C-alpha cells in the first residue's frame, strides 16, 4: 500500500472512533452526571527521502472528557446531591475507589449511603456514611456536612484527581485514577438536586453529520485511489 493509502486509512480509523464517541454521548444525553467525551487527534510527520515531501498521518486514540458543568435540576429527593463547581463524589467499588458526579444515592439495609448500584459513598476521610434508620430529618449543608435531626454525622467528601489527565472512564459515569485524589478546598453540594449530562444533543448530532460526511469522502478517495492503482498496474502489464 502506498503512502496515500496509509494516510487515508489512519484518517478513517480516527473518524470511526470519533463517531463511536459521539454516538455514546447522544445515548447518554439524559444520564445523570454524565460527562461528554471526545477524542484528541494527533499528527505524526515522517521525513521521507530528500526528494519526497514529508508524510503526515493522524491518530485518534486518546479520549478527552469534557468537565464543563452540567445543568442542575431540582428533584426534592433527600439523598439527591448535585455538585457545583469542581469535584467528584468518592465511591467504593470492587475495582477500587471511583469518582463520579452522579449524585443520586440511597441508604442500604445497613444504613450506609450508597449508589443505586450498591457502592458505598465515602466521606471526606474515606469512610462509609451511616444514615440512622430512625432519623426524621436529613439535611446536607453546602460544604457537604450531613446531619440527622440537627446532629452532625459526617461530611460528604468531594475529591479531585491529583493528575486530571489520568482519569479513565468506566460504565459511563464512573472514573478511576492511579495518580491518587485530593480533597476539594471549597466544596459546594446542593441537596435535593441532580446534575444532568453536559451533552448538548443538537451539537452532537450536528457534529455526527459532519464526521459522517468526512468519513464518506475518505471512503470515496480510497476507492478512487484503488481504482487508479489498478489502472496503472493493468496498463503496465500489457
Protein backbone atom coordinates (compact mmCIF):
# COMPACT_ATOMS: atom_id res chain seq x y z
CA UNK A 1 0.00 0.00 0.00
CA UNK A 2 1.33 3.46 -0.90
CA UNK A 3 1.62 6.45 1.41
CA UNK A 4 -1.70 7.95 0.30
CA UNK A 5 -3.48 4.73 1.22
CA UNK A 6 -1.96 4.63 4.70
CA UNK A 7 -2.86 8.27 5.28
CA UNK A 8 -6.49 7.71 4.28
CA UNK A 9 -6.80 4.60 6.46
CA UNK A 10 -5.47 6.37 9.55
CA UNK A 11 -7.94 9.21 8.98
CA UNK A 12 -10.86 6.81 8.51
CA UNK A 13 -9.88 4.94 11.67
CA UNK A 14 -9.83 8.18 13.66
CA UNK A 15 -13.19 9.29 12.27
CA UNK A 16 -14.68 5.90 13.16
CA UNK A 17 -13.52 6.29 16.77
CA UNK A 18 -14.98 9.79 16.89
CA UNK A 19 -18.33 8.55 15.58
CA UNK A 20 -18.40 5.95 18.36
CA UNK A 21 -17.69 8.64 20.98
CA UNK A 22 -20.40 10.94 19.58
CA UNK A 23 -22.95 8.10 19.49
CA UNK A 24 -22.16 7.31 23.13
CA UNK A 25 -22.62 10.98 24.05
CA UNK A 26 -26.02 11.11 22.36
CA UNK A 27 -27.10 7.89 24.07
CA UNK A 28 -26.21 9.40 27.46
CA UNK A 29 -27.69 12.86 26.92
CA UNK A 30 -30.19 12.13 29.72
CA UNK A 31 -27.83 10.24 32.06
CA UNK A 32 -27.36 11.95 35.43
CA UNK A 33 -23.76 13.05 35.99
CA UNK A 34 -22.56 12.02 32.53
CA UNK A 35 -19.57 13.90 31.09
CA UNK A 36 -19.27 14.41 27.35
CA UNK A 37 -16.40 12.54 25.75
CA UNK A 38 -14.33 13.47 22.72
CA UNK A 39 -11.10 12.48 21.01
CA UNK A 40 -7.72 14.13 20.71
CA UNK A 41 -6.31 13.92 17.18
CA UNK A 42 -2.53 13.91 16.96
CA UNK A 43 -0.44 14.30 13.82
CA UNK A 44 2.64 12.20 13.13
CA UNK A 45 5.03 13.50 10.49
CA UNK A 46 7.77 11.35 8.98
CA UNK A 47 10.57 12.67 6.82
CA UNK A 48 11.00 10.64 3.64
CA UNK A 49 13.78 10.67 1.09
CA UNK A 50 15.27 14.05 0.31
CA UNK A 51 13.35 14.34 -2.95
CA UNK A 52 9.97 13.42 -1.44
CA UNK A 53 7.66 15.56 0.71
CA UNK A 54 7.09 14.55 4.33
CA UNK A 55 4.38 12.01 5.18
CA UNK A 56 1.70 13.10 7.67
CA UNK A 57 -0.66 10.68 9.42
CA UNK A 58 -3.34 11.27 12.05
CA UNK A 59 -4.02 9.28 15.19
CA UNK A 60 -7.12 9.49 17.41
CA UNK A 61 -6.77 7.04 20.28
CA UNK A 62 -6.73 9.48 23.23
CA UNK A 63 -10.13 10.11 24.80
CA UNK A 64 -10.89 13.51 26.32
CA UNK A 65 -13.54 14.13 28.98
CA UNK A 66 -15.35 17.47 28.91
CA UNK A 67 -15.56 18.74 32.50
CA UNK A 68 -18.00 21.58 31.87
CA UNK A 69 -20.72 21.94 34.50
CA UNK A 70 -23.96 20.20 33.53
CA UNK A 71 -27.40 21.73 34.16
CA UNK A 72 -28.64 21.34 37.74
CA UNK A 73 -32.24 20.17 38.16
CA UNK A 74 -34.29 20.18 41.40
CA UNK A 75 -35.72 16.79 42.43
CA UNK A 76 -36.61 17.33 46.09
CA UNK A 77 -35.01 13.96 46.88
CA UNK A 78 -33.43 13.77 50.35
CA UNK A 79 -30.44 11.82 49.04
CA UNK A 80 -30.11 13.55 45.67
CA UNK A 81 -26.98 15.71 45.59
CA UNK A 82 -25.51 17.93 42.89
CA UNK A 83 -22.01 19.36 42.83
CA UNK A 84 -21.48 22.98 41.86
CA UNK A 85 -18.01 23.61 40.50
CA UNK A 86 -15.07 21.24 40.85
CA UNK A 87 -15.08 17.86 42.50
CA UNK A 88 -16.37 14.31 42.39
CA UNK A 89 -18.07 12.05 44.90
CA UNK A 90 -15.86 9.17 46.01
CA UNK A 91 -17.44 5.72 45.98
CA UNK A 92 -16.12 2.31 46.96
CA UNK A 93 -16.25 -0.35 44.21
CA UNK A 94 -14.78 -3.83 43.76
CA UNK A 95 -12.21 -2.31 41.38
CA UNK A 96 -11.13 0.31 43.92
CA UNK A 97 -12.33 3.78 44.81
CA UNK A 98 -14.01 5.58 41.93
CA UNK A 99 -15.03 9.17 41.21
CA UNK A 100 -18.48 10.19 39.98
CA UNK A 101 -20.69 13.24 39.50
CA UNK A 102 -23.89 11.15 39.58
CA UNK A 103 -25.30 12.10 42.98
CA UNK A 104 -28.43 10.00 43.20
CA UNK A 105 -27.93 7.96 46.38
CA UNK A 106 -29.95 5.88 48.84
CA UNK A 107 -29.29 4.16 52.22
CA UNK A 108 -28.88 0.37 52.05
CA UNK A 109 -30.19 -2.19 54.57
CA UNK A 110 -27.27 -1.42 56.88
CA UNK A 111 -27.97 2.31 56.77
CA UNK A 112 -24.92 3.06 54.63
CA UNK A 113 -25.31 5.71 51.94
CA UNK A 114 -24.84 4.01 48.56
CA UNK A 115 -25.30 4.46 44.83
CA UNK A 116 -28.12 2.62 43.10
CA UNK A 117 -25.51 0.03 42.12
CA UNK A 118 -24.90 -0.65 45.80
CA UNK A 119 -21.49 1.05 46.04
CA UNK A 120 -20.82 2.89 49.30
CA UNK A 121 -20.42 6.67 49.22
CA UNK A 122 -17.39 7.84 51.22
CA UNK A 123 -16.94 10.86 53.48
CA UNK A 124 -14.06 13.34 53.41
CA UNK A 125 -11.93 10.87 55.37
CA UNK A 126 -12.61 7.93 53.08
CA UNK A 127 -15.07 6.16 55.43
CA UNK A 128 -18.62 4.97 54.78
CA UNK A 129 -21.50 7.31 55.66
CA UNK A 130 -24.13 5.90 58.02
CA UNK A 131 -27.72 7.18 57.99
CA UNK A 132 -29.69 6.41 61.20
CA UNK A 133 -32.83 4.46 60.20
CA UNK A 134 -34.98 6.34 62.72
CA UNK A 135 -33.86 9.81 61.58
CA UNK A 136 -36.82 12.08 60.85
CA UNK A 137 -34.91 14.86 59.14
CA UNK A 138 -31.76 14.60 56.98
CA UNK A 139 -30.02 17.80 55.94
CA UNK A 140 -26.83 18.47 53.99
CA UNK A 141 -25.09 21.85 54.19
CA UNK A 142 -23.41 23.36 51.15
CA UNK A 143 -20.00 22.17 52.38
CA UNK A 144 -21.27 18.59 52.48
CA UNK A 145 -21.87 18.36 56.25
CA UNK A 146 -24.63 15.79 56.73
CA UNK A 147 -26.85 15.96 59.80
CA UNK A 148 -29.75 13.91 61.12
CA UNK A 149 -32.34 15.64 63.32
CA UNK A 150 -29.90 18.52 63.83
CA UNK A 151 -26.92 16.35 64.85
CA UNK A 152 -23.86 16.33 62.57
CA UNK A 153 -22.97 12.85 61.33
CA UNK A 154 -20.33 13.19 58.62
CA UNK A 155 -19.12 15.35 55.77
CA UNK A 156 -19.68 14.04 52.28
CA UNK A 157 -16.32 14.03 50.55
CA UNK A 158 -15.59 15.86 47.31
CA UNK A 159 -12.33 14.97 45.63
CA UNK A 160 -10.27 15.83 42.57
CA UNK A 161 -7.69 13.60 40.87
CA UNK A 162 -4.11 14.63 41.53
CA UNK A 163 -3.50 14.33 37.79
CA UNK A 164 -6.68 15.20 35.82
CA UNK A 165 -5.25 13.57 32.68
CA UNK A 166 -5.03 10.21 34.47
CA UNK A 167 -8.80 9.66 34.62
CA UNK A 168 -10.14 6.57 32.89
CA UNK A 169 -13.88 6.16 32.38
CA UNK A 170 -15.89 3.07 33.25
CA UNK A 171 -19.64 2.46 32.86
CA UNK A 172 -20.34 5.99 31.69
CA UNK A 173 -20.34 7.94 34.97
CA UNK A 174 -17.54 6.34 36.99
CA UNK A 175 -13.88 7.32 36.71
CA UNK A 176 -10.73 5.74 38.07
CA UNK A 177 -7.27 7.18 38.55
CA UNK A 178 -3.96 5.64 39.56
CA UNK A 179 -2.48 9.05 40.43
CA UNK A 180 -4.47 9.45 43.66
CA UNK A 181 -7.03 12.03 44.71
CA UNK A 182 -7.13 15.06 46.97
CA UNK A 183 -9.99 16.91 48.72
CA UNK A 184 -11.67 19.92 47.15
CA UNK A 185 -10.84 23.01 49.19
CA UNK A 186 -14.23 24.73 48.95
CA UNK A 187 -16.83 22.07 48.16
CA UNK A 188 -20.35 23.06 47.16
CA UNK A 189 -23.10 20.44 47.36
CA UNK A 190 -26.79 21.06 46.71
CA UNK A 191 -29.29 18.77 48.43
CA UNK A 192 -32.43 17.88 46.50
CA UNK A 193 -30.81 18.47 43.12
CA UNK A 194 -29.01 16.39 40.49
CA UNK A 195 -26.55 17.41 37.81
CA UNK A 196 -27.70 16.40 34.36
CA UNK A 197 -25.49 15.32 31.49
CA UNK A 198 -23.41 18.14 29.99
CA UNK A 199 -24.07 16.79 26.49
CA UNK A 200 -25.79 19.14 24.02
CA UNK A 201 -27.72 16.69 21.79
CA UNK A 202 -28.17 19.18 18.93
CA UNK A 203 -24.46 19.99 18.83
CA UNK A 204 -23.56 16.30 18.98
CA UNK A 205 -25.90 15.32 16.14
CA UNK A 206 -24.57 18.21 14.05
CA UNK A 207 -21.02 17.02 14.67
CA UNK A 208 -22.06 13.44 13.86
CA UNK A 209 -23.30 14.56 10.43
CA UNK A 210 -20.01 16.39 9.79
CA UNK A 211 -17.93 13.35 10.76
CA UNK A 212 -20.12 11.01 8.68
CA UNK A 213 -19.65 13.28 5.64
CA UNK A 214 -15.88 13.35 6.20
CA UNK A 215 -15.86 9.55 6.52
CA UNK A 216 -17.81 9.18 3.28
CA UNK A 217 -15.38 11.47 1.44
CA UNK A 218 -12.47 9.45 2.79
CA UNK A 219 -14.03 6.23 1.55
CA UNK A 220 -14.57 7.72 -1.91
CA UNK A 221 -10.97 8.91 -2.04
CA UNK A 222 -9.77 5.44 -1.01
CA UNK A 223 -11.86 3.82 -3.72
CA UNK A 224 -10.61 6.27 -6.35
CA UNK A 225 -7.01 5.67 -5.27
CA UNK A 226 -7.55 1.92 -5.51
CA UNK A 227 -9.01 2.27 -8.99
CA UNK A 228 -6.05 4.45 -10.04
CA UNK A 229 -3.51 1.89 -8.83
CA UNK A 230 -5.38 -0.95 -10.55
CA UNK A 231 -5.47 1.07 -13.75
CA UNK A 232 -1.70 1.72 -13.62
CA UNK A 233 -0.94 -1.95 -12.94
CA UNK A 234 -3.23 -3.00 -15.76
CA UNK A 235 -1.59 -0.55 -18.18
CA UNK A 236 1.94 -1.57 -17.25
CA UNK A 237 1.05 -5.25 -17.51
CA UNK A 238 0.07 -5.05 -21.14
